Amino acid sequence: MDRRYPVGKFEVEKAPAPARRAQWIDEIAALPAKFRAAVESLPTGALDRKYREGGWTGRQVVHHTADSHINSYVRFRLALTENGPIVKPYAEAKWAELDDARTLDPAASLDLLEALHTRWVALLRSMDEQQWSRKFYHPELGEQDLVTTVALYAWHGRHHLGHIELLR
């Protein structure tokens, strides 16, 4: 298994059915509890180990997941309220090196994920077909649609949950 991609690399699904989209939303809804359970089941000291050579510590992974999902939630809101907004990229590797990401108790980001996902999932479940066709522009990735983005973030949660599970 490639420890960089414990659940495999993200693959775009062309024209997924609404039922598939609902599955991804359910995965996003379930992530905070799964993440918390995985973190709480780790042996003492595991959060400060790297899940692979050259990777982040478990603590950094927890904080990164919250950072990334906050950015995605905001991008959804922008895409739903503006026409083709340009979103701001962020230097995720540099964010992971900031002191809070390296040292803060992961409970802060686990609590944040719970609250954030409550809001995000409510928003996702309220979207109609027209809203799912909305897009935003990412300066590094180009035009992004909301259906692919929800699939990406369902995968992103599984991906980093896999990293935490590697620390056992």
Protein backbone atom coordinates (compact mmCIF):
# COMPACT_ATOMS: atom_id res chain seq x y z
CA MET A 1 0.00 0.00 0.00
CA ASP A 2 1.18 3.50 -0.81
CA ARG A 3 1.14 5.27 2.57
CA ARG A 4 0.64 8.61 0.80
CA TYR A 5 -2.73 7.39 -0.52
CA PRO A 6 -4.12 4.81 1.91
CA VAL A 7 -7.54 4.87 0.20
CA GLY A 8 -6.16 5.35 -3.32
CA LYS A 9 -5.89 8.51 -5.37
CA PHE A 10 -8.92 10.67 -6.05
CA GLU A 11 -10.68 9.83 -9.31
CA VAL A 12 -13.27 12.09 -10.89
CA GLU A 13 -16.59 10.43 -11.68
CA LYS A 14 -18.20 11.78 -14.82
CA ALA A 15 -21.88 12.69 -14.43
CA PRO A 16 -22.58 10.92 -11.13
CA ALA A 17 -26.21 10.25 -10.26
CA PRO A 18 -27.87 12.24 -7.45
CA ALA A 19 -27.76 9.08 -5.30
CA ARG A 20 -23.97 9.03 -5.58
CA ARG A 21 -23.83 12.68 -4.56
CA ALA A 22 -25.98 11.81 -1.53
CA GLN A 23 -23.45 9.11 -0.59
CA TRP A 24 -20.65 11.65 -0.64
CA ILE A 25 -22.66 14.00 1.55
CA ASP A 26 -23.32 11.14 3.99
CA GLU A 27 -19.56 10.48 4.11
CA ILE A 28 -18.89 14.14 4.89
CA ALA A 29 -21.58 14.00 7.60
CA ALA A 30 -20.01 10.92 9.21
CA LEU A 31 -16.40 12.09 9.08
CA PRO A 32 -16.16 14.07 12.34
CA ALA A 33 -17.26 11.13 14.50
CA LYS A 34 -15.00 8.70 12.62
CA PHE A 35 -12.07 11.10 12.87
CA ARG A 36 -12.60 11.62 16.60
CA ALA A 37 -12.85 7.88 17.24
CA ALA A 38 -9.68 7.20 15.24
CA VAL A 39 -7.74 9.92 17.08
CA GLU A 40 -8.98 8.80 20.50
CA SER A 41 -8.01 5.19 19.78
CA LEU A 42 -4.38 6.05 19.07
CA PRO A 43 -1.70 4.98 21.51
CA THR A 44 0.02 7.65 23.59
CA GLY A 45 2.47 9.69 21.51
CA ALA A 46 1.14 8.51 18.14
CA LEU A 47 -0.22 11.94 17.18
CA ASP A 48 3.30 13.31 17.17
CA ARG A 49 4.61 10.62 14.82
CA LYS A 50 4.59 10.93 11.06
CA TYR A 51 2.36 8.48 9.22
CA ARG A 52 5.13 8.16 6.58
CA GLU A 53 8.63 9.47 5.93
CA GLY A 54 8.31 13.05 4.69
CA GLY A 55 4.66 13.27 5.76
CA TRP A 56 2.94 15.18 8.51
CA THR A 57 2.40 14.12 12.08
CA GLY A 58 -1.03 12.88 13.05
CA ARG A 59 -1.59 16.16 14.88
CA GLN A 60 -0.83 18.12 11.70
CA VAL A 61 -3.17 15.88 9.71
CA VAL A 62 -6.05 16.60 12.11
CA HIS A 63 -5.50 20.36 11.96
CA HIS A 64 -4.96 20.28 8.17
CA THR A 65 -8.26 18.48 7.66
CA ALA A 66 -10.12 21.20 9.54
CA ASP A 67 -8.24 23.93 7.62
CA SER A 68 -8.96 22.32 4.27
CA HIS A 69 -12.63 21.66 4.97
CA ILE A 70 -13.15 25.25 6.16
CA ASN A 71 -11.74 26.46 2.86
CA SER A 72 -14.01 24.13 0.90
CA TYR A 73 -17.09 25.17 2.87
CA VAL A 74 -16.35 28.83 2.10
CA ARG A 75 -15.80 28.00 -1.58
CA PHE A 76 -19.23 26.34 -1.73
CA ARG A 77 -20.84 29.40 -0.20
CA LEU A 78 -19.04 31.70 -2.63
CA ALA A 79 -20.04 29.58 -5.63
CA LEU A 80 -23.66 29.57 -4.48
CA THR A 81 -23.84 33.34 -3.99
CA GLU A 82 -21.57 34.74 -6.71
CA ASN A 83 -21.18 34.07 -10.42
CA GLY A 84 -17.96 32.11 -11.01
CA PRO A 85 -16.03 33.53 -8.07
CA ILE A 86 -12.27 33.35 -8.01
CA VAL A 87 -11.23 31.61 -4.80
CA LYS A 88 -7.99 32.11 -2.96
CA PRO A 89 -5.60 29.19 -2.78
CA TYR A 90 -3.69 28.68 0.45
CA ALA A 91 -0.28 27.21 1.19
CA GLU A 92 -1.45 24.08 3.01
CA ALA A 93 2.08 22.79 3.67
CA LYS A 94 3.02 26.12 5.26
CA TRP A 95 -0.21 26.17 7.27
CA ALA A 96 0.70 22.71 8.61
CA GLU A 97 4.04 24.09 9.84
CA LEU A 98 2.49 26.91 11.86
CA ASP A 99 2.84 26.45 15.61
CA ASP A 100 -0.85 25.76 16.26
CA ALA A 101 -0.89 22.94 13.71
CA ARG A 102 2.26 21.39 15.20
CA THR A 103 1.39 21.71 18.90
CA LEU A 104 -2.30 22.41 19.62
CA ASP A 105 -4.47 19.71 21.14
CA PRO A 106 -6.32 18.11 18.20
CA ALA A 107 -9.57 18.33 20.17
CA ALA A 108 -9.88 21.95 18.97
CA SER A 109 -9.93 20.87 15.32
CA LEU A 110 -12.10 17.83 16.05
CA ASP A 111 -14.68 20.14 17.68
CA LEU A 112 -14.34 22.52 14.74
CA LEU A 113 -14.93 19.69 12.25
CA GLU A 114 -18.12 18.70 14.09
CA ALA A 115 -19.56 22.20 13.97
CA LEU A 116 -18.33 22.89 10.46
CA HIS A 117 -19.69 19.65 9.04
CA THR A 118 -23.06 20.27 10.69
CA ARG A 119 -23.31 23.54 8.75
CA TRP A 120 -21.74 22.20 5.56
CA VAL A 121 -23.94 19.09 5.38
CA ALA A 122 -27.07 21.20 5.98
CA LEU A 123 -26.00 23.42 3.09
CA LEU A 124 -25.19 20.47 0.81
CA ARG A 125 -28.50 18.73 1.52
CA SER A 126 -30.42 21.92 0.78
CA MET A 127 -28.94 22.38 -2.70
CA ASP A 128 -31.13 21.91 -5.79
CA GLU A 129 -30.01 20.61 -9.20
CA GLN A 130 -29.31 24.08 -10.54
CA GLN A 131 -27.09 24.90 -7.58
CA TRP A 132 -25.05 21.72 -8.11
CA SER A 133 -24.08 23.03 -11.56
CA ARG A 134 -22.46 26.15 -10.10
CA LYS A 135 -18.72 26.61 -10.33
CA PHE A 136 -15.81 28.53 -8.91
CA TYR A 137 -12.41 29.32 -10.36
CA HIS A 138 -9.28 28.20 -8.53
CA PRO A 139 -6.16 30.04 -9.83
CA GLU A 140 -4.03 26.88 -9.64
CA LEU A 141 -6.62 24.26 -10.66
CA GLY A 142 -8.90 26.16 -13.03
CA GLU A 143 -12.68 25.95 -13.09
CA GLN A 144 -14.11 23.61 -10.44
CA ASP A 145 -17.69 22.38 -10.23
CA LEU A 146 -19.50 21.68 -6.97
CA VAL A 147 -20.32 18.04 -7.77
CA THR A 148 -16.65 17.18 -8.28
CA THR A 149 -15.75 19.22 -5.22
CA VAL A 150 -18.15 17.34 -2.95
CA ALA A 151 -16.71 14.05 -4.26
CA LEU A 152 -13.19 15.36 -3.66
CA TYR A 153 -13.94 16.28 -0.05
CA ALA A 154 -15.63 12.97 0.71
CA TRP A 155 -12.41 11.36 -0.57
CA HIS A 156 -10.26 13.90 1.31
CA GLY A 157 -11.85 12.91 4.60
CA ARG A 158 -11.32 9.18 3.93
CA HIS A 159 -7.77 9.91 2.76
CA HIS A 160 -6.72 11.65 5.98
CA LEU A 161 -8.69 9.26 8.17
CA GLY A 162 -6.54 6.59 6.54
CA HIS A 163 -3.42 8.51 7.56
CA ILE A 164 -4.58 8.64 11.18
CA GLU A 165 -5.34 4.91 11.11
CA LEU A 166 -1.79 4.23 9.86
CA LEU A 167 -0.49 5.61 13.18
CA ARG A 168 -1.89 2.60 15.08
